[in-house]
N, C-alpha and C. Protein backbone atom coordinates (compact mmCIF):
# COMPACT_ATOMS: atom_id res chain seq x y z
N MET A 1 7.27 -2.87 3.99
CA MET A 1 7.09 -4.27 4.33
C MET A 1 7.07 -5.16 3.09
N LEU A 2 6.47 -4.67 1.99
CA LEU A 2 6.42 -5.45 0.75
C LEU A 2 6.62 -4.52 -0.43
N LYS A 3 7.71 -4.78 -1.18
CA LYS A 3 8.04 -3.92 -2.30
C LYS A 3 8.66 -4.75 -3.42
N ALA A 4 8.20 -4.52 -4.65
CA ALA A 4 8.75 -5.17 -5.83
C ALA A 4 9.37 -4.10 -6.71
N VAL A 5 10.61 -4.34 -7.15
CA VAL A 5 11.30 -3.37 -7.99
C VAL A 5 11.81 -4.06 -9.25
N ASN A 6 11.27 -3.64 -10.39
CA ASN A 6 11.76 -4.06 -11.69
C ASN A 6 11.74 -5.58 -11.87
N ILE A 7 10.66 -6.22 -11.43
CA ILE A 7 10.57 -7.69 -11.47
C ILE A 7 10.30 -8.17 -12.89
N THR A 8 11.11 -9.13 -13.31
CA THR A 8 10.92 -9.80 -14.59
C THR A 8 10.88 -11.30 -14.32
N LYS A 9 9.94 -11.99 -14.97
CA LYS A 9 9.87 -13.45 -14.88
C LYS A 9 9.53 -14.00 -16.24
N LYS A 10 10.37 -14.93 -16.71
CA LYS A 10 10.16 -15.54 -18.02
C LYS A 10 10.01 -17.05 -17.88
N TYR A 11 9.22 -17.62 -18.77
CA TYR A 11 9.15 -19.07 -18.92
C TYR A 11 9.57 -19.33 -20.36
N GLY A 12 10.79 -19.85 -20.52
CA GLY A 12 11.34 -20.00 -21.87
C GLY A 12 11.59 -18.62 -22.45
N ASP A 13 11.08 -18.38 -23.65
CA ASP A 13 11.24 -17.08 -24.30
C ASP A 13 10.08 -16.13 -23.99
N SER A 14 9.10 -16.62 -23.23
CA SER A 14 7.91 -15.82 -22.95
C SER A 14 8.03 -15.08 -21.62
N ALA A 15 7.93 -13.77 -21.66
CA ALA A 15 7.98 -12.95 -20.44
C ALA A 15 6.58 -12.86 -19.84
N VAL A 16 6.43 -13.38 -18.65
CA VAL A 16 5.15 -13.30 -17.94
C VAL A 16 5.05 -11.98 -17.20
N LEU A 17 6.14 -11.55 -16.62
CA LEU A 17 6.22 -10.25 -15.94
C LEU A 17 7.42 -9.51 -16.50
N GLU A 18 7.24 -8.22 -16.80
CA GLU A 18 8.34 -7.40 -17.30
C GLU A 18 8.41 -6.08 -16.55
N HIS A 19 9.50 -5.89 -15.85
CA HIS A 19 9.78 -4.62 -15.18
C HIS A 19 8.63 -4.18 -14.26
N PHE A 20 8.10 -5.13 -13.50
CA PHE A 20 7.00 -4.83 -12.58
C PHE A 20 7.57 -4.17 -11.32
N THR A 21 7.05 -3.00 -10.99
CA THR A 21 7.48 -2.28 -9.79
C THR A 21 6.24 -1.81 -9.04
N HIS A 22 6.23 -2.08 -7.74
CA HIS A 22 5.12 -1.59 -6.92
C HIS A 22 5.52 -1.62 -5.45
N ASP A 23 5.14 -0.58 -4.72
CA ASP A 23 5.33 -0.51 -3.28
C ASP A 23 3.96 -0.74 -2.65
N PHE A 24 3.78 -1.91 -2.04
CA PHE A 24 2.49 -2.28 -1.47
C PHE A 24 2.30 -1.57 -0.13
N ALA A 25 1.18 -0.89 0.00
CA ALA A 25 0.92 -0.08 1.19
C ALA A 25 0.68 -0.95 2.43
N ASN A 26 1.37 -0.61 3.52
CA ASN A 26 1.16 -1.32 4.78
C ASN A 26 -0.26 -1.10 5.28
N GLY A 27 -0.87 -2.16 5.77
CA GLY A 27 -2.20 -2.06 6.34
C GLY A 27 -3.30 -1.89 5.31
N LYS A 28 -2.98 -2.14 4.05
CA LYS A 28 -3.97 -1.99 2.98
C LYS A 28 -4.10 -3.30 2.20
N VAL A 29 -5.24 -3.45 1.54
CA VAL A 29 -5.50 -4.62 0.70
C VAL A 29 -5.31 -4.22 -0.76
N THR A 30 -4.41 -4.91 -1.44
CA THR A 30 -4.13 -4.65 -2.85
C THR A 30 -4.65 -5.81 -3.67
N ALA A 31 -5.47 -5.52 -4.66
CA ALA A 31 -5.97 -6.54 -5.58
C ALA A 31 -5.12 -6.52 -6.84
N VAL A 32 -4.78 -7.70 -7.32
CA VAL A 32 -4.10 -7.84 -8.61
C VAL A 32 -5.14 -8.42 -9.55
N LEU A 33 -5.57 -7.61 -10.50
CA LEU A 33 -6.69 -7.94 -11.37
C LEU A 33 -6.19 -8.22 -12.78
N GLY A 34 -6.79 -9.21 -13.42
CA GLY A 34 -6.43 -9.49 -14.81
C GLY A 34 -7.04 -10.79 -15.28
N LYS A 35 -6.99 -11.00 -16.58
CA LYS A 35 -7.53 -12.22 -17.17
C LYS A 35 -6.63 -13.40 -16.88
N SER A 36 -7.15 -14.61 -17.07
CA SER A 36 -6.36 -15.81 -16.89
C SER A 36 -5.13 -15.78 -17.78
N GLY A 37 -4.00 -16.17 -17.22
CA GLY A 37 -2.78 -16.26 -18.00
C GLY A 37 -1.98 -14.99 -18.11
N CYS A 38 -2.39 -13.92 -17.40
CA CYS A 38 -1.68 -12.65 -17.54
C CYS A 38 -0.52 -12.51 -16.54
N GLY A 39 -0.33 -13.47 -15.65
CA GLY A 39 0.80 -13.42 -14.72
C GLY A 39 0.44 -13.13 -13.27
N LYS A 40 -0.85 -13.12 -12.94
CA LYS A 40 -1.26 -12.79 -11.56
C LYS A 40 -0.69 -13.77 -10.54
N SER A 41 -0.89 -15.06 -10.78
CA SER A 41 -0.41 -16.07 -9.83
C SER A 41 1.11 -16.12 -9.79
N THR A 42 1.73 -15.92 -10.94
CA THR A 42 3.19 -15.87 -10.98
C THR A 42 3.69 -14.72 -10.11
N LEU A 43 3.06 -13.56 -10.24
CA LEU A 43 3.45 -12.42 -9.42
C LEU A 43 3.31 -12.74 -7.95
N LEU A 44 2.19 -13.34 -7.56
CA LEU A 44 1.97 -13.69 -6.15
C LEU A 44 3.05 -14.63 -5.66
N ASN A 45 3.39 -15.65 -6.45
CA ASN A 45 4.42 -16.61 -6.05
C ASN A 45 5.80 -15.98 -5.95
N VAL A 46 6.09 -15.02 -6.82
CA VAL A 46 7.35 -14.29 -6.73
C VAL A 46 7.37 -13.43 -5.46
N LEU A 47 6.25 -12.74 -5.19
CA LEU A 47 6.18 -11.91 -3.98
C LEU A 47 6.34 -12.73 -2.71
N MET A 48 5.81 -13.96 -2.72
CA MET A 48 5.93 -14.83 -1.54
C MET A 48 7.31 -15.46 -1.42
N GLY A 49 8.09 -15.40 -2.48
CA GLY A 49 9.41 -16.03 -2.45
C GLY A 49 9.39 -17.50 -2.83
N LEU A 50 8.28 -17.96 -3.42
CA LEU A 50 8.17 -19.37 -3.80
C LEU A 50 8.85 -19.66 -5.14
N ILE A 51 8.90 -18.66 -6.01
CA ILE A 51 9.68 -18.79 -7.24
C ILE A 51 10.54 -17.54 -7.39
N PRO A 52 11.77 -17.72 -7.85
CA PRO A 52 12.66 -16.56 -7.97
C PRO A 52 12.36 -15.76 -9.23
N PRO A 53 12.50 -14.45 -9.15
CA PRO A 53 12.37 -13.65 -10.37
C PRO A 53 13.63 -13.82 -11.22
N ASP A 54 13.51 -13.56 -12.49
CA ASP A 54 14.69 -13.58 -13.36
C ASP A 54 15.44 -12.26 -13.29
N GLY A 55 14.81 -11.25 -12.79
CA GLY A 55 15.44 -9.95 -12.60
C GLY A 55 14.64 -9.14 -11.61
N GLY A 56 15.28 -8.18 -10.98
CA GLY A 56 14.61 -7.32 -10.01
C GLY A 56 14.76 -7.82 -8.59
N THR A 57 14.17 -7.07 -7.67
CA THR A 57 14.29 -7.42 -6.25
C THR A 57 12.94 -7.33 -5.54
N ILE A 58 12.80 -8.18 -4.54
CA ILE A 58 11.62 -8.17 -3.66
C ILE A 58 12.10 -7.86 -2.25
N THR A 59 11.45 -6.92 -1.60
CA THR A 59 11.68 -6.66 -0.18
C THR A 59 10.41 -7.07 0.55
N ARG A 60 10.55 -7.99 1.48
CA ARG A 60 9.38 -8.52 2.18
C ARG A 60 9.76 -8.72 3.64
N GLY A 61 8.97 -8.15 4.54
CA GLY A 61 9.27 -8.29 5.96
C GLY A 61 8.18 -9.03 6.70
N GLY A 62 8.55 -9.81 7.68
CA GLY A 62 7.57 -10.47 8.55
C GLY A 62 7.09 -11.82 8.05
N ARG A 63 6.11 -12.32 8.76
CA ARG A 63 5.54 -13.65 8.49
C ARG A 63 4.46 -13.54 7.43
N ILE A 64 4.33 -14.59 6.64
CA ILE A 64 3.29 -14.60 5.62
C ILE A 64 2.30 -15.73 5.87
N SER A 65 1.11 -15.53 5.35
CA SER A 65 0.08 -16.57 5.32
C SER A 65 -0.52 -16.52 3.92
N ALA A 66 -1.03 -17.66 3.45
CA ALA A 66 -1.48 -17.68 2.06
C ALA A 66 -2.61 -18.67 1.82
N VAL A 67 -3.43 -18.33 0.84
CA VAL A 67 -4.37 -19.27 0.22
C VAL A 67 -3.92 -19.40 -1.23
N PHE A 68 -3.68 -20.63 -1.65
CA PHE A 68 -3.23 -20.90 -3.01
C PHE A 68 -4.42 -21.23 -3.91
N GLN A 69 -4.16 -21.36 -5.20
CA GLN A 69 -5.24 -21.76 -6.11
C GLN A 69 -5.79 -23.13 -5.73
N GLU A 70 -4.89 -24.01 -5.29
CA GLU A 70 -5.33 -25.31 -4.77
C GLU A 70 -5.50 -25.14 -3.25
N ASP A 71 -6.42 -25.87 -2.66
CA ASP A 71 -6.71 -25.65 -1.24
C ASP A 71 -5.59 -26.12 -0.31
N ARG A 72 -4.83 -27.12 -0.70
CA ARG A 72 -3.68 -27.62 0.07
C ARG A 72 -4.04 -27.97 1.51
N LEU A 73 -5.14 -28.66 1.68
CA LEU A 73 -5.56 -29.12 3.00
C LEU A 73 -5.11 -30.56 3.21
N CYS A 74 -5.03 -30.96 4.46
CA CYS A 74 -4.73 -32.36 4.80
C CYS A 74 -6.05 -33.11 4.78
N GLU A 75 -6.26 -33.91 3.75
CA GLU A 75 -7.55 -34.54 3.47
C GLU A 75 -8.06 -35.44 4.59
N ASN A 76 -7.16 -36.10 5.32
CA ASN A 76 -7.59 -37.04 6.36
C ASN A 76 -7.86 -36.36 7.70
N LEU A 77 -7.47 -35.10 7.82
CA LEU A 77 -7.75 -34.36 9.05
C LEU A 77 -9.11 -33.67 8.95
N THR A 78 -9.69 -33.34 10.09
CA THR A 78 -10.95 -32.61 10.10
C THR A 78 -10.69 -31.15 9.70
N ALA A 79 -11.77 -30.44 9.42
CA ALA A 79 -11.65 -29.01 9.11
C ALA A 79 -11.00 -28.28 10.28
N SER A 80 -11.45 -28.60 11.49
CA SER A 80 -10.91 -27.97 12.70
C SER A 80 -9.42 -28.28 12.86
N ALA A 81 -9.03 -29.52 12.64
CA ALA A 81 -7.62 -29.91 12.79
C ALA A 81 -6.75 -29.21 11.75
N ASN A 82 -7.27 -29.02 10.54
CA ASN A 82 -6.52 -28.29 9.52
C ASN A 82 -6.24 -26.87 9.96
N ILE A 83 -7.21 -26.24 10.57
CA ILE A 83 -7.03 -24.87 11.05
C ILE A 83 -6.06 -24.83 12.23
N ARG A 84 -6.15 -25.82 13.10
CA ARG A 84 -5.27 -25.84 14.28
C ARG A 84 -3.81 -26.10 13.91
N LEU A 85 -3.56 -26.60 12.70
CA LEU A 85 -2.18 -26.76 12.24
C LEU A 85 -1.44 -25.42 12.25
N VAL A 86 -2.16 -24.33 11.99
CA VAL A 86 -1.51 -23.02 11.95
C VAL A 86 -1.81 -22.17 13.19
N THR A 87 -2.89 -22.49 13.89
CA THR A 87 -3.24 -21.66 15.05
C THR A 87 -2.70 -22.23 16.36
N GLY A 88 -2.36 -23.52 16.36
CA GLY A 88 -1.92 -24.14 17.60
C GLY A 88 -3.03 -24.05 18.64
N LYS A 89 -2.68 -23.63 19.84
CA LYS A 89 -3.66 -23.57 20.93
C LYS A 89 -4.24 -22.18 21.13
N ARG A 90 -3.99 -21.27 20.16
CA ARG A 90 -4.52 -19.91 20.30
C ARG A 90 -6.03 -19.87 20.25
N PHE A 91 -6.64 -20.85 19.58
CA PHE A 91 -8.10 -20.94 19.48
C PHE A 91 -8.56 -22.28 20.04
N THR A 92 -9.63 -22.24 20.82
CA THR A 92 -10.22 -23.48 21.32
C THR A 92 -11.06 -24.11 20.21
N LYS A 93 -11.42 -25.35 20.41
CA LYS A 93 -12.26 -26.02 19.42
C LYS A 93 -13.60 -25.29 19.22
N PRO A 94 -14.27 -24.84 20.30
CA PRO A 94 -15.50 -24.06 20.10
C PRO A 94 -15.26 -22.74 19.37
N GLN A 95 -14.14 -22.10 19.60
CA GLN A 95 -13.83 -20.85 18.88
C GLN A 95 -13.65 -21.12 17.39
N ILE A 96 -12.97 -22.22 17.05
CA ILE A 96 -12.79 -22.57 15.64
C ILE A 96 -14.14 -22.90 15.01
N ALA A 97 -14.98 -23.62 15.75
CA ALA A 97 -16.32 -23.95 15.24
C ALA A 97 -17.11 -22.66 14.97
N ALA A 98 -16.95 -21.66 15.84
CA ALA A 98 -17.65 -20.39 15.66
C ALA A 98 -17.13 -19.66 14.41
N GLU A 99 -15.83 -19.71 14.16
CA GLU A 99 -15.27 -19.09 12.96
C GLU A 99 -15.78 -19.81 11.70
N LEU A 100 -15.83 -21.12 11.75
CA LEU A 100 -16.37 -21.89 10.63
C LEU A 100 -17.83 -21.51 10.38
N SER A 101 -18.59 -21.38 11.45
CA SER A 101 -20.00 -21.02 11.34
C SER A 101 -20.17 -19.63 10.72
N ALA A 102 -19.22 -18.73 10.98
CA ALA A 102 -19.29 -17.37 10.44
C ALA A 102 -19.20 -17.35 8.92
N VAL A 103 -18.65 -18.42 8.34
CA VAL A 103 -18.60 -18.51 6.87
C VAL A 103 -19.50 -19.66 6.39
N CYS A 104 -20.57 -19.90 7.17
CA CYS A 104 -21.62 -20.85 6.80
C CYS A 104 -21.13 -22.29 6.72
N LEU A 105 -20.24 -22.67 7.62
CA LEU A 105 -19.76 -24.06 7.67
C LEU A 105 -20.09 -24.68 9.00
N ASP A 106 -20.61 -25.89 8.95
CA ASP A 106 -20.90 -26.67 10.15
C ASP A 106 -20.20 -28.02 9.99
N CYS A 107 -18.87 -27.96 9.89
CA CYS A 107 -18.13 -29.17 9.53
C CYS A 107 -16.85 -29.33 10.34
N ALA A 108 -16.80 -28.76 11.54
CA ALA A 108 -15.57 -28.77 12.32
C ALA A 108 -14.99 -30.16 12.50
N ASP A 109 -15.86 -31.15 12.68
CA ASP A 109 -15.39 -32.50 12.98
C ASP A 109 -15.43 -33.44 11.78
N LYS A 110 -15.70 -32.90 10.59
CA LYS A 110 -15.73 -33.75 9.39
C LYS A 110 -14.36 -33.79 8.73
N PRO A 111 -13.92 -34.98 8.29
CA PRO A 111 -12.67 -35.03 7.53
C PRO A 111 -12.81 -34.20 6.25
N VAL A 112 -11.77 -33.52 5.89
CA VAL A 112 -11.79 -32.65 4.72
C VAL A 112 -12.17 -33.42 3.46
N ARG A 113 -11.76 -34.68 3.37
CA ARG A 113 -12.07 -35.48 2.16
C ARG A 113 -13.57 -35.61 1.92
N GLU A 114 -14.39 -35.38 2.95
CA GLU A 114 -15.84 -35.48 2.82
C GLU A 114 -16.50 -34.14 2.47
N LEU A 115 -15.72 -33.08 2.39
CA LEU A 115 -16.28 -31.76 2.15
C LEU A 115 -16.39 -31.47 0.66
N SER A 116 -17.33 -30.63 0.30
CA SER A 116 -17.46 -30.18 -1.10
C SER A 116 -16.32 -29.22 -1.42
N GLY A 117 -16.17 -28.89 -2.70
CA GLY A 117 -15.13 -27.96 -3.11
C GLY A 117 -15.25 -26.60 -2.46
N GLY A 118 -16.48 -26.08 -2.39
CA GLY A 118 -16.69 -24.78 -1.75
C GLY A 118 -16.41 -24.80 -0.26
N MET A 119 -16.72 -25.91 0.40
CA MET A 119 -16.44 -26.05 1.83
C MET A 119 -14.93 -26.12 2.07
N LYS A 120 -14.23 -26.83 1.20
CA LYS A 120 -12.77 -26.90 1.33
C LYS A 120 -12.16 -25.52 1.14
N ARG A 121 -12.70 -24.77 0.17
CA ARG A 121 -12.16 -23.44 -0.11
C ARG A 121 -12.29 -22.54 1.12
N ARG A 122 -13.46 -22.57 1.75
CA ARG A 122 -13.67 -21.74 2.93
C ARG A 122 -12.79 -22.19 4.10
N THR A 123 -12.57 -23.49 4.22
CA THR A 123 -11.68 -24.00 5.28
C THR A 123 -10.25 -23.52 5.04
N ALA A 124 -9.79 -23.59 3.79
CA ALA A 124 -8.44 -23.12 3.46
C ALA A 124 -8.31 -21.62 3.73
N LEU A 125 -9.35 -20.87 3.41
CA LEU A 125 -9.33 -19.43 3.64
C LEU A 125 -9.28 -19.12 5.14
N LEU A 126 -10.09 -19.80 5.91
CA LEU A 126 -10.08 -19.59 7.37
C LEU A 126 -8.72 -19.92 7.95
N ARG A 127 -8.12 -21.02 7.48
CA ARG A 127 -6.81 -21.40 7.99
C ARG A 127 -5.80 -20.26 7.77
N ALA A 128 -5.83 -19.65 6.60
CA ALA A 128 -4.91 -18.55 6.31
C ALA A 128 -5.23 -17.31 7.15
N LEU A 129 -6.52 -17.00 7.28
CA LEU A 129 -6.92 -15.80 8.01
C LEU A 129 -6.66 -15.89 9.50
N LEU A 130 -6.74 -17.09 10.07
CA LEU A 130 -6.56 -17.26 11.51
C LEU A 130 -5.12 -17.49 11.92
N ALA A 131 -4.23 -17.68 10.94
CA ALA A 131 -2.80 -17.82 11.24
C ALA A 131 -2.25 -16.47 11.70
N GLU A 132 -1.10 -16.50 12.36
CA GLU A 132 -0.43 -15.25 12.71
C GLU A 132 0.42 -14.83 11.52
N TYR A 133 0.20 -13.64 11.01
CA TYR A 133 0.92 -13.19 9.83
C TYR A 133 1.08 -11.68 9.83
N ASP A 134 2.03 -11.23 8.99
CA ASP A 134 2.20 -9.81 8.74
C ASP A 134 1.70 -9.44 7.35
N ILE A 135 1.82 -10.39 6.41
CA ILE A 135 1.34 -10.18 5.05
C ILE A 135 0.53 -11.40 4.65
N LEU A 136 -0.65 -11.14 4.11
CA LEU A 136 -1.54 -12.22 3.66
C LEU A 136 -1.60 -12.21 2.14
N PHE A 137 -1.43 -13.40 1.54
CA PHE A 137 -1.52 -13.55 0.09
C PHE A 137 -2.69 -14.48 -0.23
N LEU A 138 -3.56 -14.05 -1.13
CA LEU A 138 -4.75 -14.82 -1.48
C LEU A 138 -4.84 -14.97 -3.00
N ASP A 139 -4.83 -16.21 -3.48
CA ASP A 139 -4.90 -16.47 -4.92
C ASP A 139 -6.29 -16.99 -5.25
N GLU A 140 -7.11 -16.15 -5.88
CA GLU A 140 -8.51 -16.49 -6.22
C GLU A 140 -9.22 -17.08 -4.99
N PRO A 141 -9.27 -16.35 -3.88
CA PRO A 141 -9.76 -16.91 -2.62
C PRO A 141 -11.24 -17.30 -2.61
N PHE A 142 -12.03 -16.74 -3.53
CA PHE A 142 -13.48 -16.98 -3.49
C PHE A 142 -13.96 -17.88 -4.62
N LYS A 143 -13.03 -18.52 -5.33
CA LYS A 143 -13.43 -19.36 -6.46
C LYS A 143 -14.26 -20.54 -5.97
N GLY A 144 -15.27 -20.88 -6.77
CA GLY A 144 -16.12 -22.03 -6.44
C GLY A 144 -17.24 -21.74 -5.46
N LEU A 145 -17.38 -20.49 -5.02
CA LEU A 145 -18.44 -20.16 -4.07
C LEU A 145 -19.63 -19.57 -4.81
N ASP A 146 -20.84 -19.97 -4.40
CA ASP A 146 -22.02 -19.37 -5.02
C ASP A 146 -22.14 -17.92 -4.57
N ALA A 147 -22.96 -17.16 -5.26
CA ALA A 147 -23.02 -15.71 -5.05
C ALA A 147 -23.34 -15.32 -3.61
N ALA A 148 -24.32 -15.98 -2.99
CA ALA A 148 -24.70 -15.62 -1.62
C ALA A 148 -23.59 -15.95 -0.63
N THR A 149 -23.01 -17.13 -0.77
CA THR A 149 -21.92 -17.52 0.12
C THR A 149 -20.72 -16.61 -0.07
N LYS A 150 -20.43 -16.26 -1.31
CA LYS A 150 -19.30 -15.38 -1.60
C LYS A 150 -19.45 -14.05 -0.88
N GLN A 151 -20.66 -13.48 -0.89
CA GLN A 151 -20.88 -12.20 -0.22
C GLN A 151 -20.63 -12.32 1.28
N THR A 152 -21.09 -13.42 1.89
CA THR A 152 -20.86 -13.65 3.32
C THR A 152 -19.37 -13.76 3.61
N VAL A 153 -18.67 -14.53 2.79
CA VAL A 153 -17.24 -14.77 3.01
C VAL A 153 -16.43 -13.49 2.77
N ILE A 154 -16.79 -12.71 1.77
CA ILE A 154 -16.10 -11.44 1.53
C ILE A 154 -16.29 -10.50 2.73
N GLY A 155 -17.49 -10.46 3.28
CA GLY A 155 -17.74 -9.64 4.46
C GLY A 155 -16.90 -10.09 5.66
N TYR A 156 -16.82 -11.40 5.84
CA TYR A 156 -15.99 -11.97 6.92
C TYR A 156 -14.53 -11.59 6.70
N CYS A 157 -14.07 -11.77 5.48
CA CYS A 157 -12.68 -11.43 5.10
C CYS A 157 -12.37 -9.97 5.38
N ARG A 158 -13.29 -9.11 4.98
CA ARG A 158 -13.09 -7.66 5.14
C ARG A 158 -12.84 -7.33 6.61
N GLU A 159 -13.59 -7.95 7.50
CA GLU A 159 -13.41 -7.69 8.93
C GLU A 159 -12.08 -8.24 9.43
N LYS A 160 -11.71 -9.43 8.98
CA LYS A 160 -10.50 -10.09 9.47
C LYS A 160 -9.23 -9.41 8.99
N ILE A 161 -9.26 -8.80 7.81
CA ILE A 161 -8.02 -8.22 7.28
C ILE A 161 -7.99 -6.69 7.38
N LYS A 162 -8.94 -6.14 8.10
CA LYS A 162 -8.96 -4.69 8.30
C LYS A 162 -7.64 -4.25 8.93
N ASP A 163 -7.00 -3.25 8.32
CA ASP A 163 -5.73 -2.69 8.78
C ASP A 163 -4.55 -3.66 8.66
N LYS A 164 -4.71 -4.72 7.87
CA LYS A 164 -3.62 -5.67 7.64
C LYS A 164 -3.13 -5.51 6.20
N THR A 165 -1.91 -5.94 5.95
CA THR A 165 -1.36 -5.90 4.60
C THR A 165 -1.74 -7.19 3.89
N ALA A 166 -2.43 -7.06 2.77
CA ALA A 166 -2.86 -8.25 2.03
C ALA A 166 -2.78 -7.97 0.53
N VAL A 167 -2.48 -9.03 -0.21
CA VAL A 167 -2.45 -8.99 -1.67
C VAL A 167 -3.32 -10.13 -2.16
N PHE A 168 -4.33 -9.82 -2.96
CA PHE A 168 -5.14 -10.90 -3.49
C PHE A 168 -5.29 -10.80 -4.99
N VAL A 169 -5.33 -11.98 -5.60
CA VAL A 169 -5.42 -12.12 -7.05
C VAL A 169 -6.84 -12.49 -7.42
N THR A 170 -7.36 -11.83 -8.45
CA THR A 170 -8.71 -12.13 -8.91
C THR A 170 -8.88 -11.67 -10.37
N HIS A 171 -9.92 -12.17 -11.00
CA HIS A 171 -10.31 -11.64 -12.31
C HIS A 171 -11.67 -10.94 -12.20
N ASP A 172 -12.17 -10.82 -10.96
CA ASP A 172 -13.52 -10.33 -10.69
C ASP A 172 -13.48 -8.90 -10.14
N ARG A 173 -13.99 -7.95 -10.93
CA ARG A 173 -13.99 -6.55 -10.50
C ARG A 173 -14.86 -6.30 -9.28
N GLU A 174 -15.93 -7.07 -9.12
CA GLU A 174 -16.80 -6.89 -7.96
C GLU A 174 -16.07 -7.27 -6.68
N GLU A 175 -15.24 -8.32 -6.73
CA GLU A 175 -14.44 -8.70 -5.56
C GLU A 175 -13.47 -7.57 -5.21
N CYS A 176 -12.88 -6.96 -6.23
CA CYS A 176 -11.97 -5.83 -6.01
C CYS A 176 -12.70 -4.68 -5.31
N ALA A 177 -13.87 -4.35 -5.83
CA ALA A 177 -14.64 -3.24 -5.27
C ALA A 177 -15.02 -3.50 -3.82
N ALA A 178 -15.31 -4.76 -3.49
CA ALA A 178 -15.76 -5.11 -2.15
C ALA A 178 -14.63 -5.18 -1.14
N LEU A 179 -13.41 -5.46 -1.59
CA LEU A 179 -12.34 -5.78 -0.64
C LEU A 179 -11.09 -4.91 -0.75
N ALA A 180 -10.78 -4.41 -1.92
CA ALA A 180 -9.47 -3.79 -2.14
C ALA A 180 -9.43 -2.30 -1.83
N ASP A 181 -8.30 -1.86 -1.30
CA ASP A 181 -8.02 -0.44 -1.13
C ASP A 181 -7.37 0.12 -2.39
N GLU A 182 -6.63 -0.74 -3.10
CA GLU A 182 -6.03 -0.34 -4.37
C GLU A 182 -6.04 -1.53 -5.32
N ILE A 183 -6.01 -1.25 -6.61
CA ILE A 183 -6.08 -2.28 -7.63
C ILE A 183 -4.92 -2.11 -8.60
N ILE A 184 -4.23 -3.21 -8.87
CA ILE A 184 -3.20 -3.27 -9.91
C ILE A 184 -3.78 -4.12 -11.03
N GLU A 185 -3.80 -3.59 -12.24
CA GLU A 185 -4.29 -4.37 -13.38
C GLU A 185 -3.11 -4.86 -14.19
N LEU A 186 -3.13 -6.15 -14.53
CA LEU A 186 -2.11 -6.73 -15.39
C LEU A 186 -2.73 -7.00 -16.75
N ASP A 187 -2.02 -6.66 -17.81
CA ASP A 187 -2.52 -6.98 -19.14
C ASP A 187 -2.01 -8.37 -19.53
N HIS A 188 -2.24 -8.77 -20.76
CA HIS A 188 -1.88 -10.12 -21.18
C HIS A 188 -0.39 -10.40 -21.13
N GLU A 189 0.43 -9.37 -21.07
CA GLU A 189 1.87 -9.57 -20.99
C GLU A 189 2.39 -9.37 -19.56
N GLY A 190 1.48 -9.20 -18.62
CA GLY A 190 1.90 -9.05 -17.23
C GLY A 190 2.40 -7.66 -16.89
N CYS A 191 2.13 -6.68 -17.73
CA CYS A 191 2.57 -5.31 -17.46
C CYS A 191 1.44 -4.51 -16.83
N THR A 192 1.77 -3.62 -15.93
CA THR A 192 0.73 -2.81 -15.32
C THR A 192 0.30 -1.71 -16.29
N PHE A 193 -0.96 -1.29 -16.15
CA PHE A 193 -1.45 -0.14 -16.92
C PHE A 193 -2.51 0.58 -16.15
């Protein structure tokens, strides 16, 4: 369903990814771990098809859902309306409110522009998790959350993505331990080791 073969990506003369190859296991969560600037987000964007690689091939099947580094919410819509953009009528308003409550949010009817950064992050995450998808991509999905909230959200995530194919980017080893079935580490040049 998701496979990268010999992926190279350069910005100018600088290679962010060089000869990256990986066969992502179906129904498993893969964490891409590394320091800032090592190519994690670039890899995710290449895997999603948002930026083309300079070399190599990506095989990707099915529908995707994603959380980006930026929340990408519609600021004038409510939290509930943002989620319904991807769920349509599959969830009722009370069901969406219950999902929001599961990640410690009581803001279904509040415009997103009135939410804190952490509340926006959880809304963006819920929107991605409740969409219909075959592969889920998460770029630093828990950034900006305090420790207690993060643990609640990771637990919620673990239940929602059980037996699903997901790739998430992080620099946090504890997040990897809590959520990932396998870990890919990128060094400063974007090479696996």
